PDB file of N, CA and C in Angstrom:
ATOM      1  N   MET A   1     -32.650  88.170  29.161  1.00  0.00           N
ATOM      2  CA  MET A   1     -32.609  86.780  29.606  1.00  0.00           C
ATOM      3  C   MET A   1     -31.555  86.007  28.817  1.00  0.00           C
ATOM      4  N   ARG A   2     -31.529  86.225  27.488  1.00  0.00           N
ATOM      5  CA  ARG A   2     -30.570  85.523  26.652  1.00  0.00           C
ATOM      6  C   ARG A   2     -29.145  85.871  27.046  1.00  0.00           C
ATOM      7  N   ILE A   3     -28.904  87.155  27.331  1.00  0.00           N
ATOM      8  CA  ILE A   3     -27.561  87.579  27.732  1.00  0.00           C
ATOM      9  C   ILE A   3     -27.181  86.932  29.053  1.00  0.00           C
ATOM     10  N   LEU A   4     -28.113  86.884  30.009  1.00  0.00           N
ATOM     11  CA  LEU A   4     -27.840  86.270  31.299  1.00  0.00           C
ATOM     12  C   LEU A   4     -27.514  84.792  31.127  1.00  0.00           C
ATOM     13  N   LEU A   5     -28.282  84.087  30.294  1.00  0.00           N
ATOM     14  CA  LEU A   5     -28.015  82.667  30.073  1.00  0.00           C
ATOM     15  C   LEU A   5     -26.660  82.465  29.414  1.00  0.00           C
ATOM     16  N   THR A   6     -26.334  83.313  28.432  1.00  0.00           N
ATOM     17  CA  THR A   6     -25.029  83.226  27.785  1.00  0.00           C
ATOM     18  C   THR A   6     -23.929  83.442  28.812  1.00  0.00           C
ATOM     19  N   CYS A   7     -24.118  84.442  29.661  1.00  0.00           N
ATOM     20  CA  CYS A   7     -23.121  84.742  30.690  1.00  0.00           C
ATOM     21  C   CYS A   7     -22.947  83.558  31.632  1.00  0.00           C
ATOM     22  N   LEU A   8     -24.055  82.963  32.051  1.00  0.00           N
ATOM     23  CA  LEU A   8     -23.974  81.842  32.981  1.00  0.00           C
ATOM     24  C   LEU A   8     -23.289  80.638  32.348  1.00  0.00           C
ATOM     25  N   LEU A   9     -23.493  80.444  31.044  1.00  0.00           N
ATOM     26  CA  LEU A   9     -22.865  79.314  30.375  1.00  0.00           C
ATOM     27  C   LEU A   9     -21.389  79.554  30.091  1.00  0.00           C
ATOM     28  N   LEU A  10     -21.021  80.797  29.813  1.00  0.00           N
ATOM     29  CA  LEU A  10     -19.656  81.076  29.390  1.00  0.00           C
ATOM     30  C   LEU A  10     -18.713  81.462  30.509  1.00  0.00           C
ATOM     31  N   CYS A  11     -19.218  82.066  31.566  1.00  0.00           N
ATOM     32  CA  CYS A  11     -18.334  82.562  32.625  1.00  0.00           C
ATOM     33  C   CYS A  11     -17.965  81.442  33.589  1.00  0.00           C
ATOM     34  N   ALA A  12     -16.712  81.417  33.991  1.00  0.00           N
ATOM     35  CA  ALA A  12     -16.265  80.437  34.978  1.00  0.00           C
ATOM     36  C   ALA A  12     -16.702  80.894  36.359  1.00  0.00           C
ATOM     37  N   LEU A  13     -17.077  79.952  37.194  1.00  0.00           N
ATOM     38  CA  LEU A  13     -17.466  80.298  38.556  1.00  0.00           C
ATOM     39  C   LEU A  13     -16.231  80.490  39.418  1.00  0.00           C
ATOM     40  N   VAL A  14     -16.304  81.436  40.312  1.00  0.00           N
ATOM     41  CA  VAL A  14     -15.192  81.693  41.213  1.00  0.00           C
ATOM     42  C   VAL A  14     -15.424  80.918  42.502  1.00  0.00           C
ATOM     43  N   VAL A  15     -14.438  80.158  42.906  1.00  0.00           N
ATOM     44  CA  VAL A  15     -14.548  79.379  44.131  1.00  0.00           C
ATOM     45  C   VAL A  15     -14.187  80.274  45.312  1.00  0.00           C
ATOM     46  N   SER A  16     -14.990  80.230  46.346  1.00  0.00           N
ATOM     47  CA  SER A  16     -14.741  81.098  47.499  1.00  0.00           C
ATOM     48  C   SER A  16     -13.534  80.601  48.289  1.00  0.00           C
ATOM     49  N   ASP A  17     -12.870  81.579  48.951  1.00  0.00           N
ATOM     50  CA  ASP A  17     -11.756  81.194  49.793  1.00  0.00           C
ATOM     51  C   ASP A  17     -12.176  81.258  51.253  1.00  0.00           C
ATOM     52  N   SER A  18     -11.254  81.000  52.144  1.00  0.00           N
ATOM     53  CA  SER A  18     -11.600  80.920  53.564  1.00  0.00           C
ATOM     54  C   SER A  18     -11.686  82.279  54.240  1.00  0.00           C
ATOM     55  N   GLU A  19     -11.397  83.377  53.507  1.00  0.00           N
ATOM     56  CA  GLU A  19     -11.442  84.698  54.117  1.00  0.00           C
ATOM     57  C   GLU A  19     -12.862  85.158  54.406  1.00  0.00           C
ATOM     58  N   GLY A  20     -13.842  84.662  53.665  1.00  0.00           N
ATOM     59  CA  GLY A  20     -15.230  85.006  53.908  1.00  0.00           C
ATOM     60  C   GLY A  20     -15.646  86.366  53.385  1.00  0.00           C
ATOM     61  N   SER A  21     -14.909  86.955  52.452  1.00  0.00           N
ATOM     62  CA  SER A  21     -15.282  88.270  51.933  1.00  0.00           C
ATOM     63  C   SER A  21     -16.277  88.133  50.788  1.00  0.00           C
ATOM     64  N   HIS A  22     -16.930  89.237  50.468  1.00  0.00           N
ATOM     65  CA  HIS A  22     -17.878  89.270  49.358  1.00  0.00           C
ATOM     66  C   HIS A  22     -17.352  90.198  48.271  1.00  0.00           C
ATOM     67  N   GLU A  23     -16.049  90.214  48.076  1.00  0.00           N
ATOM     68  CA  GLU A  23     -15.438  91.082  47.088  1.00  0.00           C
ATOM     69  C   GLU A  23     -15.762  90.591  45.687  1.00  0.00           C
ATOM     70  N   LEU A  24     -15.627  91.501  44.726  1.00  0.00           N
ATOM     71  CA  LEU A  24     -15.785  91.132  43.337  1.00  0.00           C
ATOM     72  C   LEU A  24     -14.447  90.642  42.812  1.00  0.00           C
ATOM     73  N   HIS A  25     -14.483  89.620  41.981  1.00  0.00           N
ATOM     74  CA  HIS A  25     -13.270  89.065  41.414  1.00  0.00           C
ATOM     75  C   HIS A  25     -13.474  88.815  39.936  1.00  0.00           C
ATOM     76  N   PRO A  26     -12.442  89.070  39.122  1.00  0.00           N
ATOM     77  CA  PRO A  26     -12.573  88.805  37.694  1.00  0.00           C
ATOM     78  C   PRO A  26     -12.838  87.327  37.444  1.00  0.00           C
ATOM     79  N   VAL A  27     -13.673  87.061  36.452  1.00  0.00           N
ATOM     80  CA  VAL A  27     -13.963  85.692  36.039  1.00  0.00           C
ATOM     81  C   VAL A  27     -13.078  85.406  34.826  1.00  0.00           C
ATOM     82  N   SER A  28     -13.098  84.226  34.354  1.00  0.00           N
ATOM     83  CA  SER A  28     -12.271  83.783  33.243  1.00  0.00           C
ATOM     84  C   SER A  28     -12.087  84.856  32.172  1.00  0.00           C
ATOM     85  N   SER A  29     -10.841  85.082  31.769  1.00  0.00           N
ATOM     86  CA  SER A  29     -10.580  86.065  30.741  1.00  0.00           C
ATOM     87  C   SER A  29     -11.006  85.568  29.360  1.00  0.00           C
ATOM     88  N   ALA A  30     -11.315  84.288  29.235  1.00  0.00           N
ATOM     89  CA  ALA A  30     -11.751  83.744  27.954  1.00  0.00           C
ATOM     90  C   ALA A  30     -13.134  84.260  27.588  1.00  0.00           C
ATOM     91  N   SER A  31     -13.917  84.640  28.548  1.00  0.00           N
ATOM     92  CA  SER A  31     -15.256  85.150  28.307  1.00  0.00           C
ATOM     93  C   SER A  31     -15.457  86.399  29.146  1.00  0.00           C
ATOM     94  N   ASN A  32     -16.173  87.361  28.606  1.00  0.00           N
ATOM     95  CA  ASN A  32     -16.371  88.580  29.375  1.00  0.00           C
ATOM     96  C   ASN A  32     -17.839  88.914  29.584  1.00  0.00           C
ATOM     97  N   CYS A  33     -18.735  87.940  29.540  1.00  0.00           N
ATOM     98  CA  CYS A  33     -20.163  88.139  29.822  1.00  0.00           C
ATOM     99  C   CYS A  33     -20.768  89.252  28.977  1.00  0.00           C
ATOM    100  N   ASP A  34     -20.303  89.398  27.766  1.00  0.00           N
ATOM    101  CA  ASP A  34     -20.790  90.422  26.848  1.00  0.00           C
ATOM    102  C   ASP A  34     -20.411  91.831  27.280  1.00  0.00           C
ATOM    103  N   CYS A  35     -19.379  91.987  28.102  1.00  0.00           N
ATOM    104  CA  CYS A  35     -18.900  93.317  28.471  1.00  0.00           C
ATOM    105  C   CYS A  35     -18.229  93.942  27.255  1.00  0.00           C
ATOM    106  N   LEU A  36     -18.475  95.209  27.035  1.00  0.00           N
ATOM    107  CA  LEU A  36     -17.904  95.927  25.910  1.00  0.00           C
ATOM    108  C   LEU A  36     -16.838  96.906  26.391  1.00  0.00           C
ATOM    109  N   ASN A  37     -16.098  97.460  25.471  1.00  0.00           N
ATOM    110  CA  ASN A  37     -15.149  98.547  25.729  1.00  0.00           C
ATOM    111  C   ASN A  37     -14.142  98.244  26.829  1.00  0.00           C
ATOM    112  N   GLY A  38     -13.679  97.005  26.891  1.00  0.00           N
ATOM    113  CA  GLY A  38     -12.659  96.633  27.861  1.00  0.00           C
ATOM    114  C   GLY A  38     -13.184  96.278  29.238  1.00  0.00           C
ATOM    115  N   GLY A  39     -14.508  96.147  29.390  1.00  0.00           N
ATOM    116  CA  GLY A  39     -15.074  95.742  30.676  1.00  0.00           C
ATOM    117  C   GLY A  39     -14.740  94.298  30.990  1.00  0.00           C
ATOM    118  N   THR A  40     -14.679  93.959  32.275  1.00  0.00           N
ATOM    119  CA  THR A  40     -14.382  92.586  32.669  1.00  0.00           C
ATOM    120  C   THR A  40     -15.547  92.013  33.461  1.00  0.00           C
ATOM    121  N   CYS A  41     -15.788  90.736  33.293  1.00  0.00           N
ATOM    122  CA  CYS A  41     -16.865  90.045  33.993  1.00  0.00           C
ATOM    123  C   CYS A  41     -16.425  89.758  35.424  1.00  0.00           C
ATOM    124  N   VAL A  42     -17.277  90.068  36.386  1.00  0.00           N
ATOM    125  CA  VAL A  42     -16.972  89.810  37.787  1.00  0.00           C
ATOM    126  C   VAL A  42     -18.155  89.104  38.443  1.00  0.00           C
ATOM    127  N   THR A  43     -17.868  88.456  39.554  1.00  0.00           N
ATOM    128  CA  THR A  43     -18.904  87.763  40.304  1.00  0.00           C
ATOM    129  C   THR A  43     -18.582  87.881  41.787  1.00  0.00           C
ATOM    130  N   TYR A  44     -19.576  87.748  42.628  1.00  0.00           N
ATOM    131  CA  TYR A  44     -19.359  87.736  44.073  1.00  0.00           C
ATOM    132  C   TYR A  44     -18.925  86.332  44.486  1.00  0.00           C
ATOM    133  N   LYS A  45     -18.001  86.240  45.408  1.00  0.00           N
ATOM    134  CA  LYS A  45     -17.498  84.941  45.833  1.00  0.00           C
ATOM    135  C   LYS A  45     -18.610  83.992  46.273  1.00  0.00           C
ATOM    136  N   TYR A  46     -19.524  84.461  47.095  1.00  0.00           N
ATOM    137  CA  TYR A  46     -20.551  83.579  47.639  1.00  0.00           C
ATOM    138  C   TYR A  46     -21.859  83.632  46.867  1.00  0.00           C
ATOM    139  N   PHE A  47     -21.894  84.418  45.822  1.00  0.00           N
ATOM    140  CA  PHE A  47     -23.076  84.505  44.965  1.00  0.00           C
ATOM    141  C   PHE A  47     -22.603  84.301  43.529  1.00  0.00           C
ATOM    142  N   SER A  48     -22.012  83.148  43.268  1.00  0.00           N
ATOM    143  CA  SER A  48     -21.317  82.912  42.012  1.00  0.00           C
ATOM    144  C   SER A  48     -22.241  82.896  40.798  1.00  0.00           C
ATOM    145  N   ASN A  49     -23.546  82.884  40.996  1.00  0.00           N
ATOM    146  CA  ASN A  49     -24.435  82.924  39.841  1.00  0.00           C
ATOM    147  C   ASN A  49     -24.804  84.363  39.465  1.00  0.00           C
ATOM    148  N   ILE A  50     -24.245  85.357  40.177  1.00  0.00           N
ATOM    149  CA  ILE A  50     -24.492  86.760  39.858  1.00  0.00           C
ATOM    150  C   ILE A  50     -23.253  87.312  39.171  1.00  0.00           C
ATOM    151  N   HIS A  51     -23.411  87.718  37.932  1.00  0.00           N
ATOM    152  CA  HIS A  51     -22.309  88.263  37.150  1.00  0.00           C
ATOM    153  C   HIS A  51     -22.645  89.684  36.733  1.00  0.00           C
ATOM    154  N   ARG A  52     -21.636  90.519  36.634  1.00  0.00           N
ATOM    155  CA  ARG A  52     -21.828  91.871  36.126  1.00  0.00           C
ATOM    156  C   ARG A  52     -20.523  92.342  35.511  1.00  0.00           C
ATOM    157  N   CYS A  53     -20.601  93.447  34.788  1.00  0.00           N
ATOM    158  CA  CYS A  53     -19.415  94.003  34.150  1.00  0.00           C
ATOM    159  C   CYS A  53     -18.788  95.061  35.036  1.00  0.00           C
ATOM    160  N   ASN A  54     -17.492  94.993  35.187  1.00  0.00           N
ATOM    161  CA  ASN A  54     -16.719  96.029  35.845  1.00  0.00           C
ATOM    162  C   ASN A  54     -16.151  96.878  34.716  1.00  0.00           C
ATOM    163  N   CYS A  55     -16.644  98.125  34.590  1.00  0.00           N
ATOM    164  CA  CYS A  55     -16.330  98.968  33.441  1.00  0.00           C
ATOM    165  C   CYS A  55     -15.097  99.829  33.661  1.00  0.00           C
ATOM    166  N   PRO A  56     -14.353 100.105  32.575  1.00  0.00           N
ATOM    167  CA  PRO A  56     -13.268 101.072  32.665  1.00  0.00           C
ATOM    168  C   PRO A  56     -13.841 102.446  33.032  1.00  0.00           C
ATOM    169  N   LYS A  57     -12.989 103.353  33.475  1.00  0.00           N
ATOM    170  CA  LYS A  57     -13.434 104.636  34.018  1.00  0.00           C
ATOM    171  C   LYS A  57     -14.394 105.416  33.138  1.00  0.00           C
ATOM    172  N   LYS A  58     -14.196 105.488  31.842  1.00  0.00           N
ATOM    173  CA  LYS A  58     -15.051 106.347  31.031  1.00  0.00           C
ATOM    174  C   LYS A  58     -16.285 105.643  30.463  1.00  0.00           C
ATOM    175  N   PHE A  59     -16.557 104.411  30.904  1.00  0.00           N
ATOM    176  CA  PHE A  59     -17.727 103.684  30.428  1.00  0.00           C
ATOM    177  C   PHE A  59     -18.612 103.264  31.599  1.00  0.00           C
ATOM    178  N   GLN A  60     -19.898 103.117  31.325  1.00  0.00           N
ATOM    179  CA  GLN A  60     -20.834 102.611  32.323  1.00  0.00           C
ATOM    180  C   GLN A  60     -21.978 101.907  31.603  1.00  0.00           C
ATOM    181  N   GLY A  61     -22.895 101.370  32.356  1.00  0.00           N
ATOM    182  CA  GLY A  61     -24.013 100.614  31.793  1.00  0.00           C
ATOM    183  C   GLY A  61     -23.859  99.147  32.107  1.00  0.00           C
ATOM    184  N   GLU A  62     -24.907  98.407  31.909  1.00  0.00           N
ATOM    185  CA  GLU A  62     -24.925  96.983  32.228  1.00  0.00           C
ATOM    186  C   GLU A  62     -23.805  96.225  31.528  1.00  0.00           C
ATOM    187  N   HIS A  63     -23.459  96.655  30.312  1.00  0.00           N
ATOM    188  CA  HIS A  63     -22.417  95.984  29.533  1.00  0.00           C
ATOM    189  C   HIS A  63     -21.292  96.942  29.144  1.00  0.00           C
ATOM    190  N   CYS A  64     -21.139  98.041  29.893  1.00  0.00           N
ATOM    191  CA  CYS A  64     -20.108  99.059  29.614  1.00  0.00           C
ATOM    192  C   CYS A  64     -20.307  99.666  28.231  1.00  0.00           C
ATOM    193  N   GLU A  65     -21.549  99.789  27.818  1.00  0.00           N
ATOM    194  CA  GLU A  65     -21.859 100.266  26.477  1.00  0.00           C
ATOM    195  C   GLU A  65     -22.020 101.775  26.385  1.00  0.00           C
ATOM    196  N   ILE A  66     -22.032 102.483  27.504  1.00  0.00           N
ATOM    197  CA  ILE A  66     -22.267 103.923  27.505  1.00  0.00           C
ATOM    198  C   ILE A  66     -20.941 104.654  27.704  1.00  0.00           C
ATOM    199  N   ASP A  67     -20.581 105.455  26.719  1.00  0.00           N
ATOM    200  CA  ASP A  67     -19.351 106.244  26.783  1.00  0.00           C
ATOM    201  C   ASP A  67     -19.685 107.570  27.450  1.00  0.00           C
ATOM    202  N   THR A  68     -19.261 107.747  28.685  1.00  0.00           N
ATOM    203  CA  THR A  68     -19.613 108.947  29.455  1.00  0.00           C
ATOM    204  C   THR A  68     -18.885 110.191  28.971  1.00  0.00           C
ATOM    205  N   THR A  69     -17.894 110.037  28.098  1.00  0.00           N
ATOM    206  CA  THR A  69     -17.165 111.199  27.595  1.00  0.00           C
ATOM    207  C   THR A  69     -17.806 111.774  26.339  1.00  0.00           C
ATOM    208  N   LYS A  70     -18.728 111.045  25.736  1.00  0.00           N
ATOM    209  CA  LYS A  70     -19.378 111.525  24.515  1.00  0.00           C
ATOM    210  C   LYS A  70     -20.386 112.603  24.863  1.00  0.00           C
ATOM    211  N   THR A  71     -20.201 113.765  24.320  1.00  0.00           N
ATOM    212  CA  THR A  71     -21.133 114.859  24.574  1.00  0.00           C
ATOM    213  C   THR A  71     -21.718 115.436  23.297  1.00  0.00           C
ATOM    214  N   CYS A  72     -21.166 115.070  22.158  1.00  0.00           N
ATOM    215  CA  CYS A  72     -21.628 115.650  20.894  1.00  0.00           C
ATOM    216  C   CYS A  72     -21.957 114.559  19.886  1.00  0.00           C
ATOM    217  N   PHE A  73     -22.947 114.840  19.085  1.00  0.00           N
ATOM    218  CA  PHE A  73     -23.283 113.964  17.970  1.00  0.00           C
ATOM    219  C   PHE A  73     -22.323 114.281  16.829  1.00  0.00           C
ATOM    220  N   GLU A  74     -21.922 113.273  16.086  1.00  0.00           N
ATOM    221  CA  GLU A  74     -21.112 113.475  14.891  1.00  0.00           C
ATOM    222  C   GLU A  74     -21.936 113.021  13.704  1.00  0.00           C
ATOM    223  N   GLY A  75     -21.983 113.838  12.664  1.00  0.00           N
ATOM    224  CA  GLY A  75     -22.767 113.492  11.481  1.00  0.00           C
ATOM    225  C   GLY A  75     -24.233 113.345  11.840  1.00  0.00           C
ATOM    226  N   ASN A  76     -24.825 112.192  11.500  1.00  0.00           N
ATOM    227  CA  ASN A  76     -26.243 111.968  11.793  1.00  0.00           C
ATOM    228  C   ASN A  76     -26.463 111.347  13.173  1.00  0.00           C
ATOM    229  N   GLY A  77     -25.409 111.164  13.957  1.00  0.00           N
ATOM    230  CA  GLY A  77     -25.534 110.621  15.304  1.00  0.00           C
ATOM    231  C   GLY A  77     -25.677 109.110  15.367  1.00  0.00           C
ATOM    232  N   HIS A  78     -25.483 108.430  14.253  1.00  0.00           N
ATOM    233  CA  HIS A  78     -25.672 106.975  14.197  1.00  0.00           C
ATOM    234  C   HIS A  78     -24.815 106.219  15.216  1.00  0.00           C
ATOM    235  N   SER A  79     -23.603 106.649  15.444  1.00  0.00           N
ATOM    236  CA  SER A  79     -22.706 105.927  16.351  1.00  0.00           C
ATOM    237  C   SER A  79     -22.665 106.529  17.760  1.00  0.00           C
ATOM    238  N   TYR A  80     -23.523 107.497  18.046  1.00  0.00           N
ATOM    239  CA  TYR A  80     -23.501 108.156  19.351  1.00  0.00           C
ATOM    240  C   TYR A  80     -23.859 107.167  20.463  1.00  0.00           C
ATOM    241  N   ARG A  81     -23.052 107.135  21.532  1.00  0.00           N
ATOM    242  CA  ARG A  81     -23.304 106.242  22.671  1.00  0.00           C
ATOM    243  C   ARG A  81     -23.142 106.990  23.989  1.00  0.00           C
ATOM    244  N   GLY A  82     -23.438 108.280  23.989  1.00  0.00           N
ATOM    245  CA  GLY A  82     -23.334 109.085  25.197  1.00  0.00           C
ATOM    246  C   GLY A  82     -24.620 109.081  26.013  1.00  0.00           C
ATOM    247  N   LYS A  83     -24.753 110.076  26.891  1.00  0.00           N
ATOM    248  CA  LYS A  83     -25.864 110.088  27.844  1.00  0.00           C
ATOM    249  C   LYS A  83     -26.908 111.180  27.578  1.00  0.00           C
ATOM    250  N   ALA A  84     -26.889 111.787  26.394  1.00  0.00           N
ATOM    251  CA  ALA A  84     -27.926 112.767  26.073  1.00  0.00           C
ATOM    252  C   ALA A  84     -29.276 112.062  26.117  1.00  0.00           C
ATOM    253  N   ASP A  85     -30.268 112.689  26.801  1.00  0.00           N
ATOM    254  CA  ASP A  85     -31.556 112.017  26.973  1.00  0.00           C
ATOM    255  C   ASP A  85     -32.755 112.944  26.790  1.00  0.00           C
ATOM    256  N   THR A  86     -32.558 114.040  26.065  1.00  0.00           N
ATOM    257  CA  THR A  86     -33.664 114.959  25.785  1.00  0.00           C
ATOM    258  C   THR A  86     -33.702 115.268  24.296  1.00  0.00           C
ATOM    259  N   ASP A  87     -34.889 115.677  23.819  1.00  0.00           N
ATOM    260  CA  ASP A  87     -34.999 116.060  22.418  1.00  0.00           C
ATOM    261  C   ASP A  87     -34.501 117.489  22.239  1.00  0.00           C
ATOM    262  N   ILE A  88     -34.608 118.023  21.043  1.00  0.00           N
ATOM    263  CA  ILE A  88     -34.016 119.331  20.759  1.00  0.00           C
ATOM    264  C   ILE A  88     -34.681 120.483  21.506  1.00  0.00           C
ATOM    265  N   ILE A  89     -35.890 120.275  22.050  1.00  0.00           N
ATOM    266  CA  ILE A  89     -36.505 121.344  22.851  1.00  0.00           C
ATOM    267  C   ILE A  89     -36.488 121.030  24.346  1.00  0.00           C
ATOM    268  N   GLY A  90     -35.738 119.998  24.729  1.00  0.00           N
ATOM    269  CA  GLY A  90     -35.524 119.722  26.146  1.00  0.00           C
ATOM    270  C   GLY A  90     -36.455 118.725  26.804  1.00  0.00           C
ATOM    271  N   ARG A  91     -37.354 118.115  26.052  1.00  0.00           N
ATOM    272  CA  ARG A  91     -38.247 117.108  26.641  1.00  0.00           C
ATOM    273  C   ARG A  91     -37.501 115.789  26.811  1.00  0.00           C
ATOM    274  N   PRO A  92     -37.722 115.071  27.938  1.00  0.00           N
ATOM    275  CA  PRO A  92     -37.024 113.793  28.137  1.00  0.00           C
ATOM    276  C   PRO A  92     -37.500 112.742  27.129  1.00  0.00           C
ATOM    277  N   CYS A  93     -36.557 111.958  26.651  1.00  0.00           N
ATOM    278  CA  CYS A  93     -36.869 110.879  25.717  1.00  0.00           C
ATOM    279  C   CYS A  93     -37.448 109.688  26.480  1.00  0.00           C
ATOM    280  N   LEU A  94     -38.186 108.846  25.777  1.00  0.00           N
ATOM    281  CA  LEU A  94     -38.724 107.626  26.382  1.00  0.00           C
ATOM    282  C   LEU A  94     -37.613 106.598  26.533  1.00  0.00           C
ATOM    283  N   ALA A  95     -37.702 105.780  27.564  1.00  0.00           N
ATOM    284  CA  ALA A  95     -36.733 104.695  27.752  1.00  0.00           C
ATOM    285  C   ALA A  95     -36.929 103.646  26.659  1.00  0.00           C
ATOM    286  N   TRP A  96     -35.839 103.023  26.258  1.00  0.00           N
ATOM    287  CA  TRP A  96     -35.891 102.025  25.191  1.00  0.00           C
ATOM    288  C   TRP A  96     -36.654 100.765  25.606  1.00  0.00           C
ATOM    289  N   ASN A  97     -36.889 100.593  26.905  1.00  0.00           N
ATOM    290  CA  ASN A  97     -37.663  99.435  27.367  1.00  0.00           C
ATOM    291  C   ASN A  97     -39.055  99.837  27.849  1.00  0.00           C
ATOM    292  N   SER A  98     -39.520 101.039  27.520  1.00  0.00           N
ATOM    293  CA  SER A  98     -40.871 101.464  27.919  1.00  0.00           C
ATOM    294  C   SER A  98     -41.913 100.764  27.043  1.00  0.00           C
ATOM    295  N   ALA A  99     -43.109 100.638  27.562  1.00  0.00           N
ATOM    296  CA  ALA A  99     -44.185  99.932  26.855  1.00  0.00           C
ATOM    297  C   ALA A  99     -44.449 100.525  25.473  1.00  0.00           C
ATOM    298  N   THR A 100     -44.415 101.831  25.350  1.00  0.00           N
ATOM    299  CA  THR A 100     -44.669 102.491  24.068  1.00  0.00           C
ATOM    300  C   THR A 100     -43.580 102.169  23.055  1.00  0.00           C
ATOM    301  N   VAL A 101     -42.341 102.232  23.469  1.00  0.00           N
ATOM    302  CA  VAL A 101     -41.224 101.976  22.558  1.00  0.00           C
ATOM    303  C   VAL A 101     -41.150 100.498  22.186  1.00  0.00           C
ATOM    304  N   LEU A 102     -41.555  99.612  23.085  1.00  0.00           N
ATOM    305  CA  LEU A 102     -41.512  98.173  22.779  1.00  0.00           C
ATOM    306  C   LEU A 102     -42.418  97.811  21.606  1.00  0.00           C
ATOM    307  N   LEU A 103     -43.369  98.665  21.287  1.00  0.00           N
ATOM    308  CA  LEU A 103     -44.254  98.433  20.143  1.00  0.00           C
ATOM    309  C   LEU A 103     -43.620  98.853  18.821  1.00  0.00           C
ATOM    310  N   LYS A 104     -42.490  99.549  18.889  1.00  0.00           N
ATOM    311  CA  LYS A 104     -41.809 100.056  17.696  1.00  0.00           C
ATOM    312  C   LYS A 104     -40.760  99.061  17.214  1.00  0.00           C
ATOM    313  N   GLU A 105     -40.162  99.352  16.060  1.00  0.00           N
ATOM    314  CA  GLU A 105     -39.159  98.453  15.483  1.00  0.00           C
ATOM    315  C   GLU A 105     -37.884  98.386  16.324  1.00  0.00           C
ATOM    316  N   TYR A 106     -37.450  99.529  16.844  1.00  0.00           N
ATOM    317  CA  TYR A 106     -36.225  99.574  17.641  1.00  0.00           C
ATOM    318  C   TYR A 106     -36.585  99.706  19.107  1.00  0.00           C
ATOM    319  N   HIS A 107     -36.157  98.734  19.921  1.00  0.00           N
ATOM    320  CA  HIS A 107     -36.465  98.714  21.353  1.00  0.00           C
ATOM    321  C   HIS A 107     -35.415  97.894  22.086  1.00  0.00           C
ATOM    322  N   ALA A 108     -35.471  97.926  23.419  1.00  0.00           N
ATOM    323  CA  ALA A 108     -34.453  97.290  24.257  1.00  0.00           C
ATOM    324  C   ALA A 108     -34.466  95.768  24.226  1.00  0.00           C
ATOM    325  N   LEU A 109     -35.518  95.154  23.732  1.00  0.00           N
ATOM    326  CA  LEU A 109     -35.597  93.694  23.743  1.00  0.00           C
ATOM    327  C   LEU A 109     -35.224  93.045  22.412  1.00  0.00           C
ATOM    328  N   ARG A 110     -34.777  93.845  21.450  1.00  0.00           N
ATOM    329  CA  ARG A 110     -34.317  93.283  20.180  1.00  0.00           C
ATOM    330  C   ARG A 110     -33.108  92.388  20.431  1.00  0.00           C
ATOM    331  N   PRO A 111     -32.915  91.364  19.629  1.00  0.00           N
ATOM    332  CA  PRO A 111     -31.733  90.512  19.803  1.00  0.00           C
ATOM    333  C   PRO A 111     -30.420  91.287  19.637  1.00  0.00           C
ATOM    334  N   ASP A 112     -30.438  92.328  18.825  1.00  0.00           N
ATOM    335  CA  ASP A 112     -29.220  93.116  18.582  1.00  0.00           C
ATOM    336  C   ASP A 112     -29.226  94.443  19.346  1.00  0.00           C
ATOM    337  N   ALA A 113     -30.035  94.543  20.398  1.00  0.00           N
ATOM    338  CA  ALA A 113     -30.167  95.797  21.156  1.00  0.00           C
ATOM    339  C   ALA A 113     -28.826  96.266  21.718  1.00  0.00           C
ATOM    340  N   LEU A 114     -28.026  95.372  22.233  1.00  0.00           N
ATOM    341  CA  LEU A 114     -26.738  95.750  22.814  1.00  0.00           C
ATOM    342  C   LEU A 114     -25.832  96.378  21.761  1.00  0.00           C
ATOM    343  N   GLN A 115     -25.770  95.800  20.587  1.00  0.00           N
ATOM    344  CA  GLN A 115     -24.944  96.348  19.522  1.00  0.00           C
ATOM    345  C   GLN A 115     -25.465  97.705  19.055  1.00  0.00           C
ATOM    346  N   LEU A 116     -26.761  97.929  19.171  1.00  0.00           N
ATOM    347  CA  LEU A 116     -27.360  99.203  18.770  1.00  0.00           C
ATOM    348  C   LEU A 116     -27.298 100.254  19.870  1.00  0.00           C
ATOM    349  N   GLY A 117     -26.874  99.865  21.058  1.00  0.00           N
ATOM    350  CA  GLY A 117     -26.791 100.812  22.164  1.00  0.00           C
ATOM    351  C   GLY A 117     -28.115 101.014  22.888  1.00  0.00           C
ATOM    352  N   LEU A 118     -29.055 100.119  22.670  1.00  0.00           N
ATOM    353  CA  LEU A 118     -30.370 100.226  23.311  1.00  0.00           C
ATOM    354  C   LEU A 118     -30.363  99.434  24.603  1.00  0.00           C
ATOM    355  N   GLY A 119     -31.143  99.878  25.588  1.00  0.00           N
ATOM    356  CA  GLY A 119     -31.171  99.178  26.864  1.00  0.00           C
ATOM    357  C   GLY A 119     -32.159  99.798  27.814  1.00  0.00           C
ATOM    358  N   LYS A 120     -31.916  99.649  29.124  1.00  0.00           N
ATOM    359  CA  LYS A 120     -32.800 100.155  30.162  1.00  0.00           C
ATOM    360  C   LYS A 120     -32.467 101.623  30.457  1.00  0.00           C
ATOM    361  N   HIS A 121     -32.491 102.441  29.442  1.00  0.00           N
ATOM    362  CA  HIS A 121     -32.186 103.862  29.578  1.00  0.00           C
ATOM    363  C   HIS A 121     -32.942 104.629  28.496  1.00  0.00           C
ATOM    364  N   ASN A 122     -32.880 105.931  28.560  1.00  0.00           N
ATOM    365  CA  ASN A 122     -33.551 106.746  27.552  1.00  0.00           C
ATOM    366  C   ASN A 122     -32.545 107.603  26.783  1.00  0.00           C
ATOM    367  N   TYR A 123     -31.314 107.148  26.676  1.00  0.00           N
ATOM    368  CA  TYR A 123     -30.276 107.916  26.003  1.00  0.00           C
ATOM    369  C   TYR A 123     -30.514 107.909  24.501  1.00  0.00           C
ATOM    370  N   CYS A 124     -30.160 109.001  23.864  1.00  0.00           N
ATOM    371  CA  CYS A 124     -30.359 109.150  22.410  1.00  0.00           C
ATOM    372  C   CYS A 124     -29.537 108.115  21.637  1.00  0.00           C
ATOM    373  N   ARG A 125     -30.202 107.502  20.690  1.00  0.00           N
ATOM    374  CA  ARG A 125     -29.551 106.549  19.784  1.00  0.00           C
ATOM    375  C   ARG A 125     -30.147 106.711  18.405  1.00  0.00           C
TER     376      ARG A 125
END
């Protein structure tokens, strides 16, 4: 919610033109709606209150926080931002926004969740 409010306050609204299309268009370059890794904030012409990140090719996620090229952990894995989602014996990990994980110290609703790579996914972090 906080990220959405920040995005709504910081992103410029795109004025629709007479063509009537619903294409995505970049919003003000001064703000990027918390997009990471070179992502750009976009909005629909006729739905100007809906913003999302348009991610570069090797990134995905709500804020372009997932590096799809990362396949290996380095060191203790602290900086890993790839898509591995199973433990060492192959069991799927819990999503960072699941009810069980929300009771723990690290979860998707922390104020610094985006910086930690936590979100609506179960990728290893």
